[in-house]
Amino acid sequence: MKQTATAAAIPGATEEYTLDWQWRSNHDALFGDIEGRSRWISVEDTRREGGQGVWIQGDSEWKLINAVGKRPNGAWEATHLWGFEVVGGDRRHTRRVKVVSKEGQELRARMVYDFEGDN
């Protein structure tokens, strides 16, 4: 899977995800050197591991994309879950992110994606 994102003064970044749960190293224009891995995970396994969200069936047989990214120096680690949820009565693609710093500070966010074209 590949995603390209751009925003105002932040340099654009392309993220590539190979869903085999193997660690890979990358250099990101904003975050510097990072390591990451990604996989398909069932909604049931996500709930067992403490994942949040009221996920609905998408096109992936009740599976979500689970990605983990971290700085090699341990400054932070981010866990992502991508899937489909009902938002405002509409079926929407979302990404839930939890970032934990080495000091234990935690930040959680949910990104809700708009669709372009037919959905």
C-alpha atoms as a PDB file:
ATOM      1  CA  MET A   1       0.000   0.000   0.000  1.00  0.00           C
ATOM      2  CA  LYS A   2       1.259   3.490  -0.794  1.00  0.00           C
ATOM      3  CA  GLN A   3       0.092   6.874   0.499  1.00  0.00           C
ATOM      4  CA  THR A   4       1.334  10.339  -0.416  1.00  0.00           C
ATOM      5  CA  ALA A   5       0.530  13.300   1.848  1.00  0.00           C
ATOM      6  CA  THR A   6       1.282  17.010   1.574  1.00  0.00           C
ATOM      7  CA  ALA A   7       0.404  20.017   3.725  1.00  0.00           C
ATOM      8  CA  ALA A   8       1.177  23.751   3.516  1.00  0.00           C
ATOM      9  CA  ALA A   9       4.812  24.272   4.583  1.00  0.00           C
ATOM     10  CA  ILE A  10       5.507  20.618   5.437  1.00  0.00           C
ATOM     11  CA  PRO A  11       7.406  18.687   2.770  1.00  0.00           C
ATOM     12  CA  GLY A  12       5.381  15.980   1.023  1.00  0.00           C
ATOM     13  CA  ALA A  13       5.982  12.402   2.114  1.00  0.00           C
ATOM     14  CA  THR A  14       5.220   9.073   0.500  1.00  0.00           C
ATOM     15  CA  GLU A  15       4.626   6.180   2.857  1.00  0.00           C
ATOM     16  CA  GLU A  16       4.893   2.624   1.576  1.00  0.00           C
ATOM     17  CA  TYR A  17       3.492  -0.263   3.578  1.00  0.00           C
ATOM     18  CA  THR A  18       4.439  -3.904   2.958  1.00  0.00           C
ATOM     19  CA  LEU A  19       1.972  -5.921   5.006  1.00  0.00           C
ATOM     20  CA  ASP A  20       4.323  -8.688   6.218  1.00  0.00           C
ATOM     21  CA  TRP A  21       5.159  -7.472   9.787  1.00  0.00           C
ATOM     22  CA  GLN A  22       8.893  -7.159   9.010  1.00  0.00           C
ATOM     23  CA  TRP A  23      10.844  -4.132  10.321  1.00  0.00           C
ATOM     24  CA  ARG A  24      12.133  -1.748   7.641  1.00  0.00           C
ATOM     25  CA  SER A  25      14.224   1.422   7.897  1.00  0.00           C
ATOM     26  CA  ASN A  26      13.407   4.645   6.078  1.00  0.00           C
ATOM     27  CA  HIS A  27      14.404   8.301   6.079  1.00  0.00           C
ATOM     28  CA  ASP A  28      11.439  10.683   6.315  1.00  0.00           C
ATOM     29  CA  ALA A  29      11.803  14.376   5.396  1.00  0.00           C
ATOM     30  CA  LEU A  30       9.908  15.461   8.526  1.00  0.00           C
ATOM     31  CA  PHE A  31      10.777  12.801  11.137  1.00  0.00           C
ATOM     32  CA  GLY A  32      14.270  11.752  10.015  1.00  0.00           C
ATOM     33  CA  ASP A  33      15.335   8.122  10.381  1.00  0.00           C
ATOM     34  CA  ILE A  34      12.456   5.831  11.293  1.00  0.00           C
ATOM     35  CA  GLU A  35      11.750   2.111  11.472  1.00  0.00           C
ATOM     36  CA  GLY A  36       8.380   0.594  10.740  1.00  0.00           C
ATOM     37  CA  ARG A  37       6.393  -2.536  10.085  1.00  0.00           C
ATOM     38  CA  SER A  38       2.815  -3.260   9.033  1.00  0.00           C
ATOM     39  CA  ARG A  39       0.346  -6.111   8.665  1.00  0.00           C
ATOM     40  CA  TRP A  40      -3.284  -7.105   8.304  1.00  0.00           C
ATOM     41  CA  ILE A  41      -4.880  -7.746  11.719  1.00  0.00           C
ATOM     42  CA  SER A  42      -8.360  -9.000  12.520  1.00  0.00           C
ATOM     43  CA  VAL A  43     -10.778  -6.747  14.368  1.00  0.00           C
ATOM     44  CA  GLU A  44     -10.981  -9.450  17.055  1.00  0.00           C
ATOM     45  CA  ASP A  45      -7.180  -9.458  17.577  1.00  0.00           C
ATOM     46  CA  THR A  46      -7.184  -5.663  17.653  1.00  0.00           C
ATOM     47  CA  ARG A  47      -9.742  -5.681  20.467  1.00  0.00           C
ATOM     48  CA  ARG A  48      -7.705  -8.275  22.393  1.00  0.00           C
ATOM     49  CA  GLU A  49      -4.625  -6.038  22.099  1.00  0.00           C
ATOM     50  CA  GLY A  50      -6.554  -3.013  23.421  1.00  0.00           C
ATOM     51  CA  GLY A  51      -7.204  -1.233  20.111  1.00  0.00           C
ATOM     52  CA  GLN A  52      -9.912   1.422  20.045  1.00  0.00           C
ATOM     53  CA  GLY A  53     -12.641   2.052  17.525  1.00  0.00           C
ATOM     54  CA  VAL A  54     -16.008   0.692  16.467  1.00  0.00           C
ATOM     55  CA  TRP A  55     -14.863  -0.892  13.247  1.00  0.00           C
ATOM     56  CA  ILE A  56     -17.249  -2.032  10.525  1.00  0.00           C
ATOM     57  CA  GLN A  57     -16.705  -4.470   7.710  1.00  0.00           C
ATOM     58  CA  GLY A  58     -14.827  -2.993   4.774  1.00  0.00           C
ATOM     59  CA  ASP A  59     -13.436  -4.765   1.755  1.00  0.00           C
ATOM     60  CA  SER A  60     -10.897  -6.708   3.810  1.00  0.00           C
ATOM     61  CA  GLU A  61     -12.867  -9.509   5.507  1.00  0.00           C
ATOM     62  CA  TRP A  62     -13.012  -7.771   8.919  1.00  0.00           C
ATOM     63  CA  LYS A  63      -9.316  -6.960   8.913  1.00  0.00           C
ATOM     64  CA  LEU A  64      -7.564  -3.683   9.582  1.00  0.00           C
ATOM     65  CA  ILE A  65      -4.141  -2.425   8.646  1.00  0.00           C
ATOM     66  CA  ASN A  66      -1.908  -2.252  11.709  1.00  0.00           C
ATOM     67  CA  ALA A  67       1.304  -0.242  11.340  1.00  0.00           C
ATOM     68  CA  VAL A  68       3.976   0.637  13.888  1.00  0.00           C
ATOM     69  CA  GLY A  69       6.610   3.318  13.357  1.00  0.00           C
ATOM     70  CA  LYS A  70       9.360   4.409  15.707  1.00  0.00           C
ATOM     71  CA  ARG A  71      12.513   6.430  15.983  1.00  0.00           C
ATOM     72  CA  PRO A  72      15.579   4.162  16.277  1.00  0.00           C
ATOM     73  CA  ASN A  73      16.732   6.183  19.322  1.00  0.00           C
ATOM     74  CA  GLY A  74      13.499   5.371  21.187  1.00  0.00           C
ATOM     75  CA  ALA A  75      12.219   8.973  21.271  1.00  0.00           C
ATOM     76  CA  TRP A  76       8.699   7.839  20.271  1.00  0.00           C
ATOM     77  CA  GLU A  77       6.634   4.989  18.873  1.00  0.00           C
ATOM     78  CA  ALA A  78       3.409   5.364  16.884  1.00  0.00           C
ATOM     79  CA  THR A  79       0.816   2.626  16.418  1.00  0.00           C
ATOM     80  CA  HIS A  80      -1.720   3.006  13.595  1.00  0.00           C
ATOM     81  CA  LEU A  81      -4.972   1.169  12.853  1.00  0.00           C
ATOM     82  CA  TRP A  82      -6.667   1.771   9.494  1.00  0.00           C
ATOM     83  CA  GLY A  83     -10.133   0.593   8.635  1.00  0.00           C
ATOM     84  CA  PHE A  84     -13.759   1.615   8.236  1.00  0.00           C
ATOM     85  CA  GLU A  85     -15.990   3.213  10.875  1.00  0.00           C
ATOM     86  CA  VAL A  86     -19.363   4.939  10.865  1.00  0.00           C
ATOM     87  CA  VAL A  87     -18.753   8.681  11.287  1.00  0.00           C
ATOM     88  CA  GLY A  88     -21.734  11.029  11.314  1.00  0.00           C
ATOM     89  CA  GLY A  89     -23.916   8.253   9.915  1.00  0.00           C
ATOM     90  CA  ASP A  90     -21.590   7.629   6.943  1.00  0.00           C
ATOM     91  CA  ARG A  91     -19.176   4.759   6.285  1.00  0.00           C
ATOM     92  CA  ARG A  92     -15.726   6.383   6.326  1.00  0.00           C
ATOM     93  CA  HIS A  93     -12.131   5.240   6.060  1.00  0.00           C
ATOM     94  CA  THR A  94     -10.282   6.200   9.246  1.00  0.00           C
ATOM     95  CA  ARG A  95      -6.850   5.948  10.781  1.00  0.00           C
ATOM     96  CA  ARG A  96      -6.443   5.820  14.549  1.00  0.00           C
ATOM     97  CA  VAL A  97      -2.985   6.718  15.825  1.00  0.00           C
ATOM     98  CA  LYS A  98      -1.451   6.381  19.279  1.00  0.00           C
ATOM     99  CA  VAL A  99       1.965   7.965  19.846  1.00  0.00           C
ATOM    100  CA  VAL A 100       3.940   7.297  23.026  1.00  0.00           C
ATOM    101  CA  SER A 101       7.132   9.213  23.881  1.00  0.00           C
ATOM    102  CA  LYS A 102      10.069   7.673  25.722  1.00  0.00           C
ATOM    103  CA  GLU A 103       8.888   9.655  28.776  1.00  0.00           C
ATOM    104  CA  GLY A 104       5.525   7.868  28.603  1.00  0.00           C
ATOM    105  CA  GLN A 105       3.496  10.804  27.283  1.00  0.00           C
ATOM    106  CA  GLU A 106       0.646   9.580  25.089  1.00  0.00           C
ATOM    107  CA  LEU A 107      -1.257  11.247  22.254  1.00  0.00           C
ATOM    108  CA  ARG A 108      -4.213   9.680  20.437  1.00  0.00           C
ATOM    109  CA  ALA A 109      -5.806  10.937  17.239  1.00  0.00           C
ATOM    110  CA  ARG A 110      -8.331   9.777  14.665  1.00  0.00           C
ATOM    111  CA  MET A 111      -8.073  10.884  11.054  1.00  0.00           C
ATOM    112  CA  VAL A 112     -11.231  10.629   8.960  1.00  0.00           C
ATOM    113  CA  TYR A 113     -10.668  10.470   5.210  1.00  0.00           C
ATOM    114  CA  ASP A 114     -12.873  12.041   2.547  1.00  0.00           C
ATOM    115  CA  PHE A 115     -13.536  10.077  -0.608  1.00  0.00           C
ATOM    116  CA  GLU A 116     -13.059  11.522  -4.074  1.00  0.00           C
ATOM    117  CA  GLY A 117     -15.106  10.132  -6.939  1.00  0.00           C
ATOM    118  CA  ASP A 118     -17.291   7.049  -6.620  1.00  0.00           C
ATOM    119  CA  ASN A 119     -17.425   5.407  -3.192  1.00  0.00           C
END
